[in-house]
Amino acid sequence: MIIPLSPVCGDSIWRQIMVINGELAANNEGTLAYIEAAETLLFIHAITDLTNTYHIISQLESFVNQQEALKNILQEYAKV
């Protein structure tokens, strides 16, 4: 989960989510998904390189770092 997010948040947060989602897709770095029932924004990214433990851990660390960065950016817009 990145942030709790109400569907009635201001337009600026939803515009920023769309911009970020486009950048993530263009770079094949995951996607943002809104779960309406939970009013939550999720960051989803598949681990594709399962060749060795180092690559898995590296991808998990990258995911956590990217999730934190996204959370910080979006909290500014959501004023959570």
PDB file of N, CA and C in Angstrom:
ATOM      1  N   MET A   1       0.843  -1.172   0.000  1.00  0.00           N
ATOM      2  CA  MET A   1       0.000   0.000   0.000  1.00  0.00           C
ATOM      3  C   MET A   1       0.889   1.236   0.000  1.00  0.00           C
ATOM      4  N   ILE A   2       0.517   2.192  -0.818  1.00  0.00           N
ATOM      5  CA  ILE A   2       1.252   3.449  -0.815  1.00  0.00           C
ATOM      6  C   ILE A   2       0.584   4.422   0.140  1.00  0.00           C
ATOM      7  N   ILE A   3      -0.673   4.757  -0.117  1.00  0.00           N
ATOM      8  CA  ILE A   3      -1.397   5.673   0.766  1.00  0.00           C
ATOM      9  C   ILE A   3      -2.877   5.335   0.746  1.00  0.00           C
ATOM     10  N   PRO A   4      -3.572   5.608   1.867  1.00  0.00           N
ATOM     11  CA  PRO A   4      -5.032   5.542   1.809  1.00  0.00           C
ATOM     12  C   PRO A   4      -5.494   6.718   0.951  1.00  0.00           C
ATOM     13  N   LEU A   5      -6.519   6.498   0.150  1.00  0.00           N
ATOM     14  CA  LEU A   5      -6.899   7.519  -0.815  1.00  0.00           C
ATOM     15  C   LEU A   5      -8.396   7.474  -1.069  1.00  0.00           C
ATOM     16  N   SER A   6      -9.072   8.540  -0.762  1.00  0.00           N
ATOM     17  CA  SER A   6     -10.508   8.637  -0.995  1.00  0.00           C
ATOM     18  C   SER A   6     -10.774   8.955  -2.462  1.00  0.00           C
ATOM     19  N   PRO A   7     -11.853   8.389  -3.025  1.00  0.00           N
ATOM     20  CA  PRO A   7     -12.176   8.697  -4.418  1.00  0.00           C
ATOM     21  C   PRO A   7     -12.576  10.157  -4.628  1.00  0.00           C
ATOM     22  N   VAL A   8     -12.844  10.881  -3.551  1.00  0.00           N
ATOM     23  CA  VAL A   8     -13.237  12.290  -3.678  1.00  0.00           C
ATOM     24  C   VAL A   8     -12.065  13.240  -3.426  1.00  0.00           C
ATOM     25  N   CYS A   9     -10.844  12.719  -3.454  1.00  0.00           N
ATOM     26  CA  CYS A   9      -9.662  13.583  -3.336  1.00  0.00           C
ATOM     27  C   CYS A   9      -9.663  14.579  -4.483  1.00  0.00           C
ATOM     28  N   GLY A  10      -8.924  15.627  -4.314  1.00  0.00           N
ATOM     29  CA  GLY A  10      -8.840  16.646  -5.359  1.00  0.00           C
ATOM     30  C   GLY A  10      -8.273  16.113  -6.662  1.00  0.00           C
ATOM     31  N   ASP A  11      -8.521  16.866  -7.727  1.00  0.00           N
ATOM     32  CA  ASP A  11      -8.068  16.458  -9.056  1.00  0.00           C
ATOM     33  C   ASP A  11      -6.555  16.357  -9.176  1.00  0.00           C
ATOM     34  N   SER A  12      -5.822  17.171  -8.431  1.00  0.00           N
ATOM     35  CA  SER A  12      -4.364  17.190  -8.598  1.00  0.00           C
ATOM     36  C   SER A  12      -3.731  15.847  -8.244  1.00  0.00           C
ATOM     37  N   ILE A  13      -4.245  15.173  -7.218  1.00  0.00           N
ATOM     38  CA  ILE A  13      -3.673  13.868  -6.842  1.00  0.00           C
ATOM     39  C   ILE A  13      -3.917  12.836  -7.938  1.00  0.00           C
ATOM     40  N   TRP A  14      -5.118  12.850  -8.523  1.00  0.00           N
ATOM     41  CA  TRP A  14      -5.425  11.874  -9.569  1.00  0.00           C
ATOM     42  C   TRP A  14      -4.626  12.158 -10.834  1.00  0.00           C
ATOM     43  N   ARG A  15      -4.415  13.434 -11.157  1.00  0.00           N
ATOM     44  CA  ARG A  15      -3.559  13.771 -12.304  1.00  0.00           C
ATOM     45  C   ARG A  15      -2.131  13.288 -12.066  1.00  0.00           C
ATOM     46  N   GLN A  16      -1.624  13.504 -10.868  1.00  0.00           N
ATOM     47  CA  GLN A  16      -0.260  13.078 -10.548  1.00  0.00           C
ATOM     48  C   GLN A  16      -0.137  11.560 -10.607  1.00  0.00           C
ATOM     49  N   ILE A  17      -1.150  10.853 -10.141  1.00  0.00           N
ATOM     50  CA  ILE A  17      -1.141   9.385 -10.209  1.00  0.00           C
ATOM     51  C   ILE A  17      -1.060   8.931 -11.666  1.00  0.00           C
ATOM     52  N   MET A  18      -1.823   9.572 -12.541  1.00  0.00           N
ATOM     53  CA  MET A  18      -1.800   9.198 -13.955  1.00  0.00           C
ATOM     54  C   MET A  18      -0.430   9.487 -14.580  1.00  0.00           C
ATOM     55  N   VAL A  19       0.171  10.608 -14.234  1.00  0.00           N
ATOM     56  CA  VAL A  19       1.503  10.945 -14.753  1.00  0.00           C
ATOM     57  C   VAL A  19       2.520   9.902 -14.290  1.00  0.00           C
ATOM     58  N   ILE A  20       2.501   9.607 -12.999  1.00  0.00           N
ATOM     59  CA  ILE A  20       3.443   8.623 -12.450  1.00  0.00           C
ATOM     60  C   ILE A  20       3.206   7.256 -13.067  1.00  0.00           C
ATOM     61  N   ASN A  21       1.943   6.863 -13.210  1.00  0.00           N
ATOM     62  CA  ASN A  21       1.630   5.560 -13.785  1.00  0.00           C
ATOM     63  C   ASN A  21       2.149   5.462 -15.218  1.00  0.00           C
ATOM     64  N   GLY A  22       2.037   6.539 -15.973  1.00  0.00           N
ATOM     65  CA  GLY A  22       2.570   6.555 -17.335  1.00  0.00           C
ATOM     66  C   GLY A  22       4.080   6.393 -17.357  1.00  0.00           C
ATOM     67  N   GLU A  23       4.762   7.073 -16.437  1.00  0.00           N
ATOM     68  CA  GLU A  23       6.221   6.955 -16.346  1.00  0.00           C
ATOM     69  C   GLU A  23       6.631   5.542 -15.938  1.00  0.00           C
ATOM     70  N   LEU A  24       5.916   4.963 -14.977  1.00  0.00           N
ATOM     71  CA  LEU A  24       6.219   3.594 -14.555  1.00  0.00           C
ATOM     72  C   LEU A  24       6.053   2.628 -15.723  1.00  0.00           C
ATOM     73  N   ALA A  25       4.968   2.775 -16.472  1.00  0.00           N
ATOM     74  CA  ALA A  25       4.710   1.892 -17.610  1.00  0.00           C
ATOM     75  C   ALA A  25       5.774   2.059 -18.692  1.00  0.00           C
ATOM     76  N   ALA A  26       6.137   3.298 -18.977  1.00  0.00           N
ATOM     77  CA  ALA A  26       7.139   3.556 -20.019  1.00  0.00           C
ATOM     78  C   ALA A  26       8.486   2.934 -19.678  1.00  0.00           C
ATOM     79  N   ASN A  27       8.797   2.876 -18.396  1.00  0.00           N
ATOM     80  CA  ASN A  27      10.076   2.319 -17.948  1.00  0.00           C
ATOM     81  C   ASN A  27       9.966   0.870 -17.480  1.00  0.00           C
ATOM     82  N   ASN A  28       8.782   0.275 -17.644  1.00  0.00           N
ATOM     83  CA  ASN A  28       8.533  -1.106 -17.207  1.00  0.00           C
ATOM     84  C   ASN A  28       8.916  -1.293 -15.740  1.00  0.00           C
ATOM     85  N   GLU A  29       8.476  -0.341 -14.901  1.00  0.00           N
ATOM     86  CA  GLU A  29       8.835  -0.351 -13.481  1.00  0.00           C
ATOM     87  C   GLU A  29       7.634  -0.566 -12.566  1.00  0.00           C
ATOM     88  N   GLY A  30       6.569  -1.142 -13.077  1.00  0.00           N
ATOM     89  CA  GLY A  30       5.409  -1.412 -12.245  1.00  0.00           C
ATOM     90  C   GLY A  30       4.220  -0.554 -12.615  1.00  0.00           C
ATOM     91  N   THR A  31       3.216  -0.587 -11.741  1.00  0.00           N
ATOM     92  CA  THR A  31       1.994   0.165 -11.985  1.00  0.00           C
ATOM     93  C   THR A  31       1.346   0.551 -10.660  1.00  0.00           C
ATOM     94  N   LEU A  32       0.533   1.579 -10.706  1.00  0.00           N
ATOM     95  CA  LEU A  32      -0.261   1.971  -9.552  1.00  0.00           C
ATOM     96  C   LEU A  32      -1.681   1.488  -9.790  1.00  0.00           C
ATOM     97  N   ALA A  33      -2.295   0.938  -8.760  1.00  0.00           N
ATOM     98  CA  ALA A  33      -3.667   0.442  -8.864  1.00  0.00           C
ATOM     99  C   ALA A  33      -4.472   0.942  -7.679  1.00  0.00           C
ATOM    100  N   TYR A  34      -5.679   1.430  -7.962  1.00  0.00           N
ATOM    101  CA  TYR A  34      -6.572   1.907  -6.909  1.00  0.00           C
ATOM    102  C   TYR A  34      -7.549   0.799  -6.564  1.00  0.00           C
ATOM    103  N   ILE A  35      -7.608   0.431  -5.285  1.00  0.00           N
ATOM    104  CA  ILE A  35      -8.541  -0.584  -4.804  1.00  0.00           C
ATOM    105  C   ILE A  35      -9.695   0.152  -4.137  1.00  0.00           C
ATOM    106  N   GLU A  36     -10.820   0.230  -4.845  1.00  0.00           N
ATOM    107  CA  GLU A  36     -11.944   1.051  -4.391  1.00  0.00           C
ATOM    108  C   GLU A  36     -12.506   0.589  -3.055  1.00  0.00           C
ATOM    109  N   ALA A  37     -12.670  -0.716  -2.867  1.00  0.00           N
ATOM    110  CA  ALA A  37     -13.265  -1.229  -1.627  1.00  0.00           C
ATOM    111  C   ALA A  37     -12.449  -0.834  -0.401  1.00  0.00           C
ATOM    112  N   ALA A  38     -11.145  -0.725  -0.563  1.00  0.00           N
ATOM    113  CA  ALA A  38     -10.267  -0.375   0.555  1.00  0.00           C
ATOM    114  C   ALA A  38      -9.843   1.091   0.525  1.00  0.00           C
ATOM    115  N   GLU A  39     -10.226   1.814  -0.546  1.00  0.00           N
ATOM    116  CA  GLU A  39      -9.799   3.202  -0.738  1.00  0.00           C
ATOM    117  C   GLU A  39      -8.285   3.333  -0.542  1.00  0.00           C
ATOM    118  N   THR A  40      -7.565   2.480  -1.262  1.00  0.00           N
ATOM    119  CA  THR A  40      -6.117   2.383  -1.113  1.00  0.00           C
ATOM    120  C   THR A  40      -5.442   2.364  -2.479  1.00  0.00           C
ATOM    121  N   LEU A  41      -4.318   3.038  -2.556  1.00  0.00           N
ATOM    122  CA  LEU A  41      -3.507   3.019  -3.762  1.00  0.00           C
ATOM    123  C   LEU A  41      -2.368   2.027  -3.552  1.00  0.00           C
ATOM    124  N   LEU A  42      -2.230   1.081  -4.476  1.00  0.00           N
ATOM    125  CA  LEU A  42      -1.188   0.063  -4.389  1.00  0.00           C
ATOM    126  C   LEU A  42      -0.141   0.279  -5.469  1.00  0.00           C
ATOM    127  N   PHE A  43       1.081  -0.082  -5.146  1.00  0.00           N
ATOM    128  CA  PHE A  43       2.162  -0.125  -6.126  1.00  0.00           C
ATOM    129  C   PHE A  43       2.423  -1.596  -6.405  1.00  0.00           C
ATOM    130  N   ILE A  44       2.322  -1.982  -7.671  1.00  0.00           N
ATOM    131  CA  ILE A  44       2.474  -3.381  -8.060  1.00  0.00           C
ATOM    132  C   ILE A  44       3.644  -3.497  -9.030  1.00  0.00           C
ATOM    133  N   HIS A  45       4.540  -4.414  -8.736  1.00  0.00           N
ATOM    134  CA  HIS A  45       5.683  -4.657  -9.621  1.00  0.00           C
ATOM    135  C   HIS A  45       6.095  -6.119  -9.472  1.00  0.00           C
ATOM    136  N   ALA A  46       6.163  -6.812 -10.585  1.00  0.00           N
ATOM    137  CA  ALA A  46       6.513  -8.231 -10.567  1.00  0.00           C
ATOM    138  C   ALA A  46       8.024  -8.414 -10.524  1.00  0.00           C
ATOM    139  N   ILE A  47       8.459  -9.389  -9.763  1.00  0.00           N
ATOM    140  CA  ILE A  47       9.867  -9.786  -9.761  1.00  0.00           C
ATOM    141  C   ILE A  47      10.039 -10.754 -10.920  1.00  0.00           C
ATOM    142  N   THR A  48      10.845 -10.361 -11.884  1.00  0.00           N
ATOM    143  CA  THR A  48      10.971 -11.165 -13.099  1.00  0.00           C
ATOM    144  C   THR A  48      12.259 -11.967 -13.164  1.00  0.00           C
ATOM    145  N   ASP A  49      13.287 -11.509 -12.479  1.00  0.00           N
ATOM    146  CA  ASP A  49      14.577 -12.198 -12.527  1.00  0.00           C
ATOM    147  C   ASP A  49      14.712 -13.089 -11.298  1.00  0.00           C
ATOM    148  N   LEU A  50      14.389 -14.357 -11.472  1.00  0.00           N
ATOM    149  CA  LEU A  50      14.451 -15.314 -10.366  1.00  0.00           C
ATOM    150  C   LEU A  50      15.663 -16.233 -10.488  1.00  0.00           C
ATOM    151  N   THR A  51      16.706 -15.775 -11.187  1.00  0.00           N
ATOM    152  CA  THR A  51      17.856 -16.634 -11.464  1.00  0.00           C
ATOM    153  C   THR A  51      18.714 -16.914 -10.240  1.00  0.00           C
ATOM    154  N   ASN A  52      18.784 -15.949  -9.323  1.00  0.00           N
ATOM    155  CA  ASN A  52      19.538 -16.222  -8.103  1.00  0.00           C
ATOM    156  C   ASN A  52      19.048 -15.318  -6.975  1.00  0.00           C
ATOM    157  N   THR A  53      19.447 -15.658  -5.784  1.00  0.00           N
ATOM    158  CA  THR A  53      18.994 -14.948  -4.592  1.00  0.00           C
ATOM    159  C   THR A  53      19.400 -13.482  -4.621  1.00  0.00           C
ATOM    160  N   TYR A  54      20.590 -13.191  -5.094  1.00  0.00           N
ATOM    161  CA  TYR A  54      21.056 -11.804  -5.148  1.00  0.00           C
ATOM    162  C   TYR A  54      20.112 -10.942  -5.983  1.00  0.00           C
ATOM    163  N   HIS A  55      19.710 -11.440  -7.153  1.00  0.00           N
ATOM    164  CA  HIS A  55      18.813 -10.676  -8.021  1.00  0.00           C
ATOM    165  C   HIS A  55      17.447 -10.476  -7.370  1.00  0.00           C
ATOM    166  N   ILE A  56      16.949 -11.479  -6.686  1.00  0.00           N
ATOM    167  CA  ILE A  56      15.649 -11.362  -6.013  1.00  0.00           C
ATOM    168  C   ILE A  56      15.722 -10.304  -4.918  1.00  0.00           C
ATOM    169  N   ILE A  57      16.750 -10.376  -4.084  1.00  0.00           N
ATOM    170  CA  ILE A  57      16.907  -9.407  -2.991  1.00  0.00           C
ATOM    171  C   ILE A  57      17.098  -8.001  -3.556  1.00  0.00           C
ATOM    172  N   SER A  58      17.868  -7.887  -4.609  1.00  0.00           N
ATOM    173  CA  SER A  58      18.092  -6.587  -5.240  1.00  0.00           C
ATOM    174  C   SER A  58      16.784  -5.989  -5.754  1.00  0.00           C
ATOM    175  N   GLN A  59      15.953  -6.811  -6.380  1.00  0.00           N
ATOM    176  CA  GLN A  59      14.670  -6.332  -6.889  1.00  0.00           C
ATOM    177  C   GLN A  59      13.724  -5.961  -5.751  1.00  0.00           C
ATOM    178  N   LEU A  60      13.744  -6.724  -4.665  1.00  0.00           N
ATOM    179  CA  LEU A  60      12.909  -6.391  -3.506  1.00  0.00           C
ATOM    180  C   LEU A  60      13.343  -5.070  -2.879  1.00  0.00           C
ATOM    181  N   GLU A  61      14.648  -4.870  -2.749  1.00  0.00           N
ATOM    182  CA  GLU A  61      15.156  -3.605  -2.205  1.00  0.00           C
ATOM    183  C   GLU A  61      14.764  -2.436  -3.098  1.00  0.00           C
ATOM    184  N   SER A  62      14.873  -2.624  -4.388  1.00  0.00           N
ATOM    185  CA  SER A  62      14.490  -1.586  -5.341  1.00  0.00           C
ATOM    186  C   SER A  62      13.000  -1.271  -5.227  1.00  0.00           C
ATOM    187  N   PHE A  63      12.183  -2.309  -5.072  1.00  0.00           N
ATOM    188  CA  PHE A  63      10.732  -2.126  -4.916  1.00  0.00           C
ATOM    189  C   PHE A  63      10.423  -1.298  -3.676  1.00  0.00           C
ATOM    190  N   VAL A  64      11.033  -1.656  -2.560  1.00  0.00           N
ATOM    191  CA  VAL A  64      10.786  -0.939  -1.302  1.00  0.00           C
ATOM    192  C   VAL A  64      11.209   0.521  -1.426  1.00  0.00           C
ATOM    193  N   ASN A  65      12.370   0.764  -2.001  1.00  0.00           N
ATOM    194  CA  ASN A  65      12.846   2.139  -2.178  1.00  0.00           C
ATOM    195  C   ASN A  65      11.925   2.936  -3.099  1.00  0.00           C
ATOM    196  N   GLN A  66      11.491   2.312  -4.181  1.00  0.00           N
ATOM    197  CA  GLN A  66      10.607   2.995  -5.122  1.00  0.00           C
ATOM    198  C   GLN A  66       9.244   3.263  -4.486  1.00  0.00           C
ATOM    199  N   GLN A  67       8.749   2.310  -3.707  1.00  0.00           N
ATOM    200  CA  GLN A  67       7.466   2.489  -3.033  1.00  0.00           C
ATOM    201  C   GLN A  67       7.536   3.660  -2.050  1.00  0.00           C
ATOM    202  N   GLU A  68       8.611   3.760  -1.305  1.00  0.00           N
ATOM    203  CA  GLU A  68       8.770   4.873  -0.360  1.00  0.00           C
ATOM    204  C   GLU A  68       8.842   6.210  -1.088  1.00  0.00           C
ATOM    205  N   ALA A  69       9.557   6.240  -2.200  1.00  0.00           N
ATOM    206  CA  ALA A  69       9.654   7.481  -2.977  1.00  0.00           C
ATOM    207  C   ALA A  69       8.289   7.890  -3.518  1.00  0.00           C
ATOM    208  N   LEU A  70       7.536   6.935  -4.036  1.00  0.00           N
ATOM    209  CA  LEU A  70       6.194   7.226  -4.536  1.00  0.00           C
ATOM    210  C   LEU A  70       5.281   7.711  -3.415  1.00  0.00           C
ATOM    211  N   LYS A  71       5.385   7.072  -2.269  1.00  0.00           N
ATOM    212  CA  LYS A  71       4.571   7.468  -1.114  1.00  0.00           C
ATOM    213  C   LYS A  71       4.855   8.916  -0.733  1.00  0.00           C
ATOM    214  N   ASN A  72       6.122   9.282  -0.683  1.00  0.00           N
ATOM    215  CA  ASN A  72       6.495  10.653  -0.327  1.00  0.00           C
ATOM    216  C   ASN A  72       5.974  11.660  -1.342  1.00  0.00           C
ATOM    217  N   ILE A  73       6.091  11.342  -2.618  1.00  0.00           N
ATOM    218  CA  ILE A  73       5.610  12.240  -3.669  1.00  0.00           C
ATOM    219  C   ILE A  73       4.099  12.414  -3.574  1.00  0.00           C
ATOM    220  N   LEU A  74       3.380  11.304  -3.455  1.00  0.00           N
ATOM    221  CA  LEU A  74       1.919  11.371  -3.484  1.00  0.00           C
ATOM    222  C   LEU A  74       1.325  11.949  -2.212  1.00  0.00           C
ATOM    223  N   GLN A  75       2.002  11.790  -1.090  1.00  0.00           N
ATOM    224  CA  GLN A  75       1.492  12.386   0.144  1.00  0.00           C
ATOM    225  C   GLN A  75       1.478  13.905   0.051  1.00  0.00           C
ATOM    226  N   GLU A  76       2.402  14.470  -0.700  1.00  0.00           N
ATOM    227  CA  GLU A  76       2.412  15.922  -0.900  1.00  0.00           C
ATOM    228  C   GLU A  76       1.148  16.376  -1.617  1.00  0.00           C
ATOM    229  N   TYR A  77       0.701  15.582  -2.587  1.00  0.00           N
ATOM    230  CA  TYR A  77      -0.496  15.940  -3.351  1.00  0.00           C
ATOM    231  C   TYR A  77      -1.775  15.628  -2.583  1.00  0.00           C
ATOM    232  N   ALA A  78      -1.767  14.531  -1.820  1.00  0.00           N
ATOM    233  CA  ALA A  78      -2.974  14.104  -1.104  1.00  0.00           C
ATOM    234  C   ALA A  78      -3.151  14.839   0.210  1.00  0.00           C
ATOM    235  N   LYS A  79      -2.065  15.417   0.710  1.00  0.00           N
ATOM    236  CA  LYS A  79      -2.095  16.086   2.018  1.00  0.00           C
ATOM    237  C   LYS A  79      -2.602  15.133   3.096  1.00  0.00           C
ATOM    238  N   VAL A  80      -2.053  13.889   3.057  1.00  0.00           N
ATOM    239  CA  VAL A  80      -2.446  12.856   4.034  1.00  0.00           C
ATOM    240  C   VAL A  80      -1.794  13.151   5.356  1.00  0.00           C
TER     241      VAL A  80
END
